[in-house]
C-alpha atoms as a PDB file:
ATOM      1  CA  UNK A   1     160.537 351.865 -15.432  1.00  0.00           C
ATOM      2  CA  UNK A   2     163.720 352.374 -13.430  1.00  0.00           C
ATOM      3  CA  UNK A   3     164.759 355.356 -11.352  1.00  0.00           C
ATOM      4  CA  UNK A   4     165.615 358.251 -13.621  1.00  0.00           C
ATOM      5  CA  UNK A   5     169.003 359.902 -13.386  1.00  0.00           C
ATOM      6  CA  UNK A   6     167.143 363.214 -13.197  1.00  0.00           C
ATOM      7  CA  UNK A   7     165.285 362.407  -9.985  1.00  0.00           C
ATOM      8  CA  UNK A   8     164.733 365.308  -7.637  1.00  0.00           C
ATOM      9  CA  UNK A   9     167.330 363.847  -5.278  1.00  0.00           C
ATOM     10  CA  UNK A  10     170.024 363.535  -7.928  1.00  0.00           C
ATOM     11  CA  UNK A  11     169.257 367.057  -9.152  1.00  0.00           C
ATOM     12  CA  UNK A  12     169.551 368.449  -5.613  1.00  0.00           C
ATOM     13  CA  UNK A  13     172.957 366.847  -5.052  1.00  0.00           C
ATOM     14  CA  UNK A  14     174.146 367.978  -8.480  1.00  0.00           C
ATOM     15  CA  UNK A  15     173.102 371.545  -7.652  1.00  0.00           C
ATOM     16  CA  UNK A  16     174.993 371.394  -4.371  1.00  0.00           C
ATOM     17  CA  UNK A  17     178.099 370.141  -6.155  1.00  0.00           C
ATOM     18  CA  UNK A  18     177.890 372.863  -8.784  1.00  0.00           C
ATOM     19  CA  UNK A  19     177.716 375.477  -6.018  1.00  0.00           C
ATOM     20  CA  UNK A  20     180.560 373.884  -4.096  1.00  0.00           C
ATOM     21  CA  UNK A  21     178.268 373.176  -1.150  1.00  0.00           C
ATOM     22  CA  UNK A  22     177.422 370.216   1.039  1.00  0.00           C
ATOM     23  CA  UNK A  23     173.952 369.157   2.065  1.00  0.00           C
ATOM     24  CA  UNK A  24     171.894 369.032   5.231  1.00  0.00           C
ATOM     25  CA  UNK A  25     169.368 366.191   5.464  1.00  0.00           C
ATOM     26  CA  UNK A  26     166.724 366.712   8.166  1.00  0.00           C
ATOM     27  CA  UNK A  27     164.602 363.943   9.688  1.00  0.00           C
ATOM     28  CA  UNK A  28     161.292 364.334  11.496  1.00  0.00           C
ATOM     29  CA  UNK A  29     158.584 361.891  12.515  1.00  0.00           C
ATOM     30  CA  UNK A  30     155.283 362.394  10.716  1.00  0.00           C
ATOM     31  CA  UNK A  31     152.398 363.003  13.096  1.00  0.00           C
ATOM     32  CA  UNK A  32     154.537 364.306  15.954  1.00  0.00           C
ATOM     33  CA  UNK A  33     152.858 366.046  17.648  1.00  0.00           C
ATOM     34  CA  UNK A  34     150.078 365.926  15.017  1.00  0.00           C
ATOM     35  CA  UNK A  35     149.674 365.721  11.253  1.00  0.00           C
ATOM     36  CA  UNK A  36     148.669 369.376  11.079  1.00  0.00           C
ATOM     37  CA  UNK A  37     151.815 370.305  12.999  1.00  0.00           C
ATOM     38  CA  UNK A  38     153.923 368.176  10.664  1.00  0.00           C
ATOM     39  CA  UNK A  39     152.721 370.172   7.679  1.00  0.00           C
ATOM     40  CA  UNK A  40     153.723 373.414   9.400  1.00  0.00           C
ATOM     41  CA  UNK A  41     157.101 372.044  10.461  1.00  0.00           C
ATOM     42  CA  UNK A  42     157.878 370.730   6.975  1.00  0.00           C
ATOM     43  CA  UNK A  43     157.377 374.195   5.509  1.00  0.00           C
ATOM     44  CA  UNK A  44     159.502 375.776   8.228  1.00  0.00           C
ATOM     45  CA  UNK A  45     162.470 373.443   7.812  1.00  0.00           C
ATOM     46  CA  UNK A  46     162.248 373.662   4.037  1.00  0.00           C
ATOM     47  CA  UNK A  47     162.390 377.443   4.217  1.00  0.00           C
ATOM     48  CA  UNK A  48     165.225 377.196   6.761  1.00  0.00           C
ATOM     49  CA  UNK A  49     167.414 375.484   4.187  1.00  0.00           C
ATOM     50  CA  UNK A  50     167.039 371.715   4.564  1.00  0.00           C
ATOM     51  CA  UNK A  51     168.402 370.210   1.348  1.00  0.00           C
ATOM     52  CA  UNK A  52     166.604 366.878   1.765  1.00  0.00           C
ATOM     53  CA  UNK A  53     163.817 365.958   4.183  1.00  0.00           C
ATOM     54  CA  UNK A  54     163.396 362.475   5.641  1.00  0.00           C
ATOM     55  CA  UNK A  55     159.794 361.985   6.715  1.00  0.00           C
ATOM     56  CA  UNK A  56     159.588 359.180   9.247  1.00  0.00           C
ATOM     57  CA  UNK A  57     156.619 356.834   9.360  1.00  0.00           C
ATOM     58  CA  UNK A  58     155.866 356.093  13.042  1.00  0.00           C
ATOM     59  CA  UNK A  59     156.182 352.438  13.981  1.00  0.00           C
ATOM     60  CA  UNK A  60     155.353 350.563  17.171  1.00  0.00           C
ATOM     61  CA  UNK A  61     158.719 348.780  17.408  1.00  0.00           C
ATOM     62  CA  UNK A  62     161.428 351.167  16.119  1.00  0.00           C
ATOM     63  CA  UNK A  63     164.435 348.977  16.941  1.00  0.00           C
ATOM     64  CA  UNK A  64     167.018 351.190  15.202  1.00  0.00           C
ATOM     65  CA  UNK A  65     165.925 354.340  17.012  1.00  0.00           C
ATOM     66  CA  UNK A  66     166.966 355.738  20.349  1.00  0.00           C
ATOM     67  CA  UNK A  67     164.610 357.096  23.012  1.00  0.00           C
ATOM     68  CA  UNK A  68     164.030 360.507  21.390  1.00  0.00           C
ATOM     69  CA  UNK A  69     162.612 359.101  18.154  1.00  0.00           C
ATOM     70  CA  UNK A  70     160.906 356.271  20.023  1.00  0.00           C
ATOM     71  CA  UNK A  71     158.977 358.867  22.015  1.00  0.00           C
ATOM     72  CA  UNK A  72     158.109 360.715  18.799  1.00  0.00           C
ATOM     73  CA  UNK A  73     156.719 357.512  17.277  1.00  0.00           C
ATOM     74  CA  UNK A  74     154.658 356.888  20.412  1.00  0.00           C
ATOM     75  CA  UNK A  75     153.217 360.405  20.297  1.00  0.00           C
ATOM     76  CA  UNK A  76     152.440 360.120  16.596  1.00  0.00           C
ATOM     77  CA  UNK A  77     150.765 356.735  16.938  1.00  0.00           C
ATOM     78  CA  UNK A  78     148.674 357.969  19.883  1.00  0.00           C
ATOM     79  CA  UNK A  79     147.601 360.889  17.694  1.00  0.00           C
ATOM     80  CA  UNK A  80     146.286 358.393  15.130  1.00  0.00           C
ATOM     81  CA  UNK A  81     149.051 358.645  12.552  1.00  0.00           C
ATOM     82  CA  UNK A  82     149.192 355.853   9.965  1.00  0.00           C
ATOM     83  CA  UNK A  83     151.076 355.299   6.742  1.00  0.00           C
ATOM     84  CA  UNK A  84     147.827 355.840   4.869  1.00  0.00           C
ATOM     85  CA  UNK A  85     147.072 359.245   6.333  1.00  0.00           C
ATOM     86  CA  UNK A  86     150.713 360.335   6.014  1.00  0.00           C
ATOM     87  CA  UNK A  87     150.580 359.628   2.277  1.00  0.00           C
ATOM     88  CA  UNK A  88     147.239 361.422   2.005  1.00  0.00           C
ATOM     89  CA  UNK A  89     148.632 364.442   3.837  1.00  0.00           C
ATOM     90  CA  UNK A  90     151.910 364.491   1.920  1.00  0.00           C
ATOM     91  CA  UNK A  91     150.052 365.247  -1.290  1.00  0.00           C
ATOM     92  CA  UNK A  92     149.023 368.591   0.224  1.00  0.00           C
ATOM     93  CA  UNK A  93     152.296 369.240   2.078  1.00  0.00           C
ATOM     94  CA  UNK A  94     154.313 368.684  -1.071  1.00  0.00           C
ATOM     95  CA  UNK A  95     152.795 371.749  -2.746  1.00  0.00           C
ATOM     96  CA  UNK A  96     154.631 374.059  -0.321  1.00  0.00           C
ATOM     97  CA  UNK A  97     157.933 372.145  -0.101  1.00  0.00           C
ATOM     98  CA  UNK A  98     160.851 372.518  -2.491  1.00  0.00           C
ATOM     99  CA  UNK A  99     163.248 369.983  -0.939  1.00  0.00           C
ATOM    100  CA  UNK A 100     163.175 366.327  -2.004  1.00  0.00           C
ATOM    101  CA  UNK A 101     161.246 364.138   0.443  1.00  0.00           C
ATOM    102  CA  UNK A 102     162.393 360.642   1.388  1.00  0.00           C
ATOM    103  CA  UNK A 103     159.953 358.413   3.253  1.00  0.00           C
ATOM    104  CA  UNK A 104     161.792 356.739   6.135  1.00  0.00           C
ATOM    105  CA  UNK A 105     160.059 353.605   7.388  1.00  0.00           C
ATOM    106  CA  UNK A 106     160.372 350.151   8.804  1.00  0.00           C
ATOM    107  CA  UNK A 107     159.337 347.406   6.407  1.00  0.00           C
ATOM    108  CA  UNK A 108     156.246 346.075   8.173  1.00  0.00           C
ATOM    109  CA  UNK A 109     153.964 349.110   7.538  1.00  0.00           C
ATOM    110  CA  UNK A 110     154.912 349.061   3.845  1.00  0.00           C
ATOM    111  CA  UNK A 111     154.463 345.295   3.509  1.00  0.00           C
ATOM    112  CA  UNK A 112     151.068 345.434   5.227  1.00  0.00           C
ATOM    113  CA  UNK A 113     150.012 348.324   3.021  1.00  0.00           C
ATOM    114  CA  UNK A 114     150.983 346.408  -0.117  1.00  0.00           C
ATOM    115  CA  UNK A 115     154.186 347.068  -2.028  1.00  0.00           C
ATOM    116  CA  UNK A 116     152.560 348.105  -5.297  1.00  0.00           C
ATOM    117  CA  UNK A 117     149.898 350.265  -3.637  1.00  0.00           C
ATOM    118  CA  UNK A 118     152.489 351.910  -1.426  1.00  0.00           C
ATOM    119  CA  UNK A 119     154.822 352.717  -4.306  1.00  0.00           C
ATOM    120  CA  UNK A 120     152.043 354.151  -6.468  1.00  0.00           C
ATOM    121  CA  UNK A 121     150.588 356.299  -3.731  1.00  0.00           C
ATOM    122  CA  UNK A 122     153.990 357.456  -2.497  1.00  0.00           C
ATOM    123  CA  UNK A 123     154.844 358.680  -5.977  1.00  0.00           C
ATOM    124  CA  UNK A 124     151.401 360.255  -6.433  1.00  0.00           C
ATOM    125  CA  UNK A 125     151.810 362.047  -3.097  1.00  0.00           C
ATOM    126  CA  UNK A 126     155.108 363.562  -4.186  1.00  0.00           C
ATOM    127  CA  UNK A 127     157.684 361.401  -2.415  1.00  0.00           C
ATOM    128  CA  UNK A 128     161.057 361.222  -4.138  1.00  0.00           C
ATOM    129  CA  UNK A 129     162.607 358.206  -2.459  1.00  0.00           C
ATOM    130  CA  UNK A 130     162.197 355.581   0.224  1.00  0.00           C
ATOM    131  CA  UNK A 131     164.537 354.333   2.943  1.00  0.00           C
ATOM    132  CA  UNK A 132     163.476 351.152   4.745  1.00  0.00           C
ATOM    133  CA  UNK A 133     165.673 350.955   7.796  1.00  0.00           C
ATOM    134  CA  UNK A 134     165.289 347.235   8.582  1.00  0.00           C
ATOM    135  CA  UNK A 135     165.203 345.825   5.035  1.00  0.00           C
ATOM    136  CA  UNK A 136     168.438 344.223   3.881  1.00  0.00           C
ATOM    137  CA  UNK A 137     169.477 344.456   0.210  1.00  0.00           C
ATOM    138  CA  UNK A 138     169.569 340.654  -0.025  1.00  0.00           C
ATOM    139  CA  UNK A 139     165.835 340.443   0.741  1.00  0.00           C
ATOM    140  CA  UNK A 140     164.686 343.532  -1.106  1.00  0.00           C
ATOM    141  CA  UNK A 141     163.900 342.303  -4.644  1.00  0.00           C
ATOM    142  CA  UNK A 142     160.058 342.522  -4.472  1.00  0.00           C
ATOM    143  CA  UNK A 143     160.293 345.925  -2.803  1.00  0.00           C
ATOM    144  CA  UNK A 144     162.843 347.191  -5.317  1.00  0.00           C
ATOM    145  CA  UNK A 145     160.705 346.068  -8.239  1.00  0.00           C
ATOM    146  CA  UNK A 146     157.604 347.851  -6.939  1.00  0.00           C
ATOM    147  CA  UNK A 147     159.298 351.073  -5.891  1.00  0.00           C
ATOM    148  CA  UNK A 148     161.521 351.433  -8.943  1.00  0.00           C
ATOM    149  CA  UNK A 149     158.517 350.828 -11.187  1.00  0.00           C
ATOM    150  CA  UNK A 150     157.232 354.167  -9.921  1.00  0.00           C
ATOM    151  CA  UNK A 151     160.554 355.955 -10.411  1.00  0.00           C
ATOM    152  CA  UNK A 152     161.292 356.383  -6.713  1.00  0.00           C
ATOM    153  CA  UNK A 153     164.856 356.401  -5.428  1.00  0.00           C
ATOM    154  CA  UNK A 154     165.816 353.561  -3.087  1.00  0.00           C
ATOM    155  CA  UNK A 155     168.254 354.375  -0.283  1.00  0.00           C
ATOM    156  CA  UNK A 156     169.965 351.679   1.758  1.00  0.00           C
ATOM    157  CA  UNK A 157     172.075 351.785   4.911  1.00  0.00           C
ATOM    158  CA  UNK A 158     175.630 350.661   5.538  1.00  0.00           C
ATOM    159  CA  UNK A 159     177.474 350.770   8.848  1.00  0.00           C
ATOM    160  CA  UNK A 160     180.999 350.385  10.228  1.00  0.00           C
ATOM    161  CA  UNK A 161     180.285 346.670  10.740  1.00  0.00           C
ATOM    162  CA  UNK A 162     179.132 346.091   7.131  1.00  0.00           C
ATOM    163  CA  UNK A 163     181.224 343.523   5.307  1.00  0.00           C
ATOM    164  CA  UNK A 164     182.757 344.402   1.949  1.00  0.00           C
ATOM    165  CA  UNK A 165     180.070 342.324   0.248  1.00  0.00           C
ATOM    166  CA  UNK A 166     177.233 343.988   2.156  1.00  0.00           C
ATOM    167  CA  UNK A 167     178.640 347.462   1.468  1.00  0.00           C
ATOM    168  CA  UNK A 168     178.848 346.719  -2.253  1.00  0.00           C
ATOM    169  CA  UNK A 169     175.314 345.371  -2.299  1.00  0.00           C
ATOM    170  CA  UNK A 170     173.912 348.339  -0.377  1.00  0.00           C
ATOM    171  CA  UNK A 171     175.623 350.688  -2.820  1.00  0.00           C
ATOM    172  CA  UNK A 172     174.419 348.751  -5.855  1.00  0.00           C
ATOM    173  CA  UNK A 173     170.784 348.788  -4.738  1.00  0.00           C
ATOM    174  CA  UNK A 174     170.826 352.458  -3.709  1.00  0.00           C
ATOM    175  CA  UNK A 175     169.974 355.440  -5.856  1.00  0.00           C
ATOM    176  CA  UNK A 176     169.791 359.109  -4.941  1.00  0.00           C
ATOM    177  CA  UNK A 177     172.413 358.677  -2.237  1.00  0.00           C
ATOM    178  CA  UNK A 178     173.964 356.052   0.016  1.00  0.00           C
ATOM    179  CA  UNK A 179     173.247 356.438   3.733  1.00  0.00           C
ATOM    180  CA  UNK A 180     176.131 355.595   6.050  1.00  0.00           C
ATOM    181  CA  UNK A 181     175.486 355.010   9.737  1.00  0.00           C
ATOM    182  CA  UNK A 182     178.296 356.797  11.562  1.00  0.00           C
ATOM    183  CA  UNK A 183     178.528 354.301  14.407  1.00  0.00           C
ATOM    184  CA  UNK A 184     177.093 351.087  15.785  1.00  0.00           C
ATOM    185  CA  UNK A 185     173.956 351.316  17.901  1.00  0.00           C
ATOM    186  CA  UNK A 186     170.707 353.237  17.643  1.00  0.00           C
ATOM    187  CA  UNK A 187     169.953 356.815  16.677  1.00  0.00           C
ATOM    188  CA  UNK A 188     170.616 359.576  19.178  1.00  0.00           C
ATOM    189  CA  UNK A 189     172.594 362.729  19.850  1.00  0.00           C
ATOM    190  CA  UNK A 190     176.309 362.224  20.578  1.00  0.00           C
ATOM    191  CA  UNK A 191     179.066 364.536  21.811  1.00  0.00           C
ATOM    192  CA  UNK A 192     181.744 363.055  19.545  1.00  0.00           C
ATOM    193  CA  UNK A 193     181.713 361.433  16.111  1.00  0.00           C
ATOM    194  CA  UNK A 194     182.918 357.842  15.961  1.00  0.00           C
ATOM    195  CA  UNK A 195     186.492 357.078  14.920  1.00  0.00           C
ATOM    196  CA  UNK A 196     185.097 354.480  12.510  1.00  0.00           C
ATOM    197  CA  UNK A 197     183.396 357.131  10.362  1.00  0.00           C
ATOM    198  CA  UNK A 198     186.189 358.215   8.024  1.00  0.00           C
ATOM    199  CA  UNK A 199     187.346 354.656   7.217  1.00  0.00           C
ATOM    200  CA  UNK A 200     183.742 353.737   6.425  1.00  0.00           C
ATOM    201  CA  UNK A 201     183.383 356.690   4.037  1.00  0.00           C
ATOM    202  CA  UNK A 202     186.637 355.701   2.339  1.00  0.00           C
ATOM    203  CA  UNK A 203     185.378 352.148   1.888  1.00  0.00           C
ATOM    204  CA  UNK A 204     182.114 353.440   0.423  1.00  0.00           C
ATOM    205  CA  UNK A 205     183.922 355.763  -1.999  1.00  0.00           C
ATOM    206  CA  UNK A 206     185.702 352.737  -3.433  1.00  0.00           C
ATOM    207  CA  UNK A 207     182.438 351.010  -4.418  1.00  0.00           C
ATOM    208  CA  UNK A 208     180.035 353.786  -5.483  1.00  0.00           C
ATOM    209  CA  UNK A 209     179.922 357.150  -7.261  1.00  0.00           C
ATOM    210  CA  UNK A 210     176.713 358.039  -5.396  1.00  0.00           C
ATOM    211  CA  UNK A 211     176.596 360.988  -3.008  1.00  0.00           C
ATOM    212  CA  UNK A 212     177.194 359.843   0.552  1.00  0.00           C
ATOM    213  CA  UNK A 213     175.084 361.044   3.466  1.00  0.00           C
ATOM    214  CA  UNK A 214     176.109 360.292   7.041  1.00  0.00           C
ATOM    215  CA  UNK A 215     173.715 360.076   9.969  1.00  0.00           C
ATOM    216  CA  UNK A 216     173.238 358.814  13.559  1.00  0.00           C
ATOM    217  CA  UNK A 217     174.639 360.991  16.312  1.00  0.00           C
ATOM    218  CA  UNK A 218     175.014 364.327  14.505  1.00  0.00           C
ATOM    219  CA  UNK A 219     173.476 367.117  16.543  1.00  0.00           C
ATOM    220  CA  UNK A 220     175.207 370.490  16.059  1.00  0.00           C
ATOM    221  CA  UNK A 221     176.762 372.660  13.324  1.00  0.00           C
ATOM    222  CA  UNK A 222     180.298 371.643  14.295  1.00  0.00           C
ATOM    223  CA  UNK A 223     179.490 367.964  13.775  1.00  0.00           C
ATOM    224  CA  UNK A 224     177.661 368.778  10.544  1.00  0.00           C
ATOM    225  CA  UNK A 225     180.753 370.583   9.260  1.00  0.00           C
ATOM    226  CA  UNK A 226     183.023 367.745  10.340  1.00  0.00           C
ATOM    227  CA  UNK A 227     180.963 365.167   8.455  1.00  0.00           C
ATOM    228  CA  UNK A 228     180.843 367.368   5.372  1.00  0.00           C
ATOM    229  CA  UNK A 229     184.623 367.398   5.162  1.00  0.00           C
ATOM    230  CA  UNK A 230     184.335 363.805   3.983  1.00  0.00           C
ATOM    231  CA  UNK A 231     180.769 363.262   2.737  1.00  0.00           C
ATOM    232  CA  UNK A 232     178.226 365.067   0.557  1.00  0.00           C
ATOM    233  CA  UNK A 233     175.653 365.478   3.316  1.00  0.00           C
ATOM    234  CA  UNK A 234     175.067 365.229   7.045  1.00  0.00           C
ATOM    235  CA  UNK A 235     171.821 363.809   8.405  1.00  0.00           C
ATOM    236  CA  UNK A 236     170.343 365.236  11.599  1.00  0.00           C
ATOM    237  CA  UNK A 237     167.405 363.401  13.129  1.00  0.00           C
ATOM    238  CA  UNK A 238     167.231 362.993  16.901  1.00  0.00           C
ATOM    239  CA  UNK A 239     168.361 366.567  17.564  1.00  0.00           C
ATOM    240  CA  UNK A 240     165.554 367.923  15.369  1.00  0.00           C
ATOM    241  CA  UNK A 241     162.968 365.580  16.901  1.00  0.00           C
ATOM    242  CA  UNK A 242     164.189 366.630  20.355  1.00  0.00           C
ATOM    243  CA  UNK A 243     163.746 370.274  19.356  1.00  0.00           C
ATOM    244  CA  UNK A 244     160.184 369.532  18.252  1.00  0.00           C
ATOM    245  CA  UNK A 245     159.521 367.807  21.574  1.00  0.00           C
ATOM    246  CA  UNK A 246     160.845 370.737  23.604  1.00  0.00           C
ATOM    247  CA  UNK A 247     160.089 373.813  21.513  1.00  0.00           C
ATOM    248  CA  UNK A 248     157.053 373.329  19.288  1.00  0.00           C
ATOM    249  CA  UNK A 249     154.466 373.754  22.035  1.00  0.00           C
ATOM    250  CA  UNK A 250     155.796 377.222  22.889  1.00  0.00           C
ATOM    251  CA  UNK A 251     157.528 378.412  19.723  1.00  0.00           C
ATOM    252  CA  UNK A 252     155.586 376.665  16.987  1.00  0.00           C
ATOM    253  CA  UNK A 253     157.039 375.693  13.619  1.00  0.00           C
ATOM    254  CA  UNK A 254     159.131 378.841  13.517  1.00  0.00           C
ATOM    255  CA  UNK A 255     161.191 377.604  16.481  1.00  0.00           C
ATOM    256  CA  UNK A 256     161.981 374.408  14.592  1.00  0.00           C
ATOM    257  CA  UNK A 257     162.892 376.376  11.493  1.00  0.00           C
ATOM    258  CA  UNK A 258     165.259 378.480  13.590  1.00  0.00           C
ATOM    259  CA  UNK A 259     166.885 375.318  14.933  1.00  0.00           C
ATOM    260  CA  UNK A 260     167.393 373.921  11.416  1.00  0.00           C
ATOM    261  CA  UNK A 261     168.799 377.256  10.295  1.00  0.00           C
ATOM    262  CA  UNK A 262     171.298 377.014  13.164  1.00  0.00           C
ATOM    263  CA  UNK A 263     172.271 373.528  12.002  1.00  0.00           C
ATOM    264  CA  UNK A 264     172.538 374.804   8.437  1.00  0.00           C
ATOM    265  CA  UNK A 265     175.491 376.972   9.417  1.00  0.00           C
ATOM    266  CA  UNK A 266     177.427 373.738   9.348  1.00  0.00           C
ATOM    267  CA  UNK A 267     177.029 373.645   5.591  1.00  0.00           C
ATOM    268  CA  UNK A 268     178.930 376.910   5.184  1.00  0.00           C
ATOM    269  CA  UNK A 269     182.698 377.116   4.794  1.00  0.00           C
ATOM    270  CA  UNK A 270     184.641 378.003   7.917  1.00  0.00           C
ATOM    271  CA  UNK A 271     185.661 381.252   6.243  1.00  0.00           C
ATOM    272  CA  UNK A 272     182.043 382.268   5.709  1.00  0.00           C
END
């Protein structure tokens, strides 16, 4: 079985296109500050208008992540979060969430879990796709076979330093959407978007018809709107995780929903 063209991700992007809208993809780390809190936050950001949710699996060596998400992974791991209990919890969380959910992970937890077991349980739990941040397309065949067998979308990354060959391969092995890293370096909030972003989007357009989502460094509605001038969706991660770190203890899930709603204004036209 291969990924169906009617996956929840492809349907969501088609709906956005039909409405003349662009998407907001929101990342959070599962288990930060606890699994119970994650369930509450997921509902809040879904109701606040997140078009796609990336649910991060905490990992002990998150090399692609900046200090904000590193701290979130540390908190989640200290709270006892594992891939196994995230998948078990997602089955319940999914019942109250309308947005597609993409599991965002490093490869080691998935490999240790077992590719086939992971893919089956991810699909059973209600995941719609998987993004493995440190897995290259050239080395992904066993993973692709297992995940696609369960009908899950596979999302790969490309960056400003990706060669033409690597960009083509990332696009060819992706479904749902292609994730473009806006700049070199790790995740984290930035004041300005990189000058390399628009040329990268143009290069990607030449090799894939997939929706393009852009992440790394996007932290406010103005940056969201800027990205959406050129791509189908903006991804906000560190800013949301930072909001959870600072606001959840006093404002609960509602405070995080309010923050996502503020970001969502970037998906509206400037005339709105």
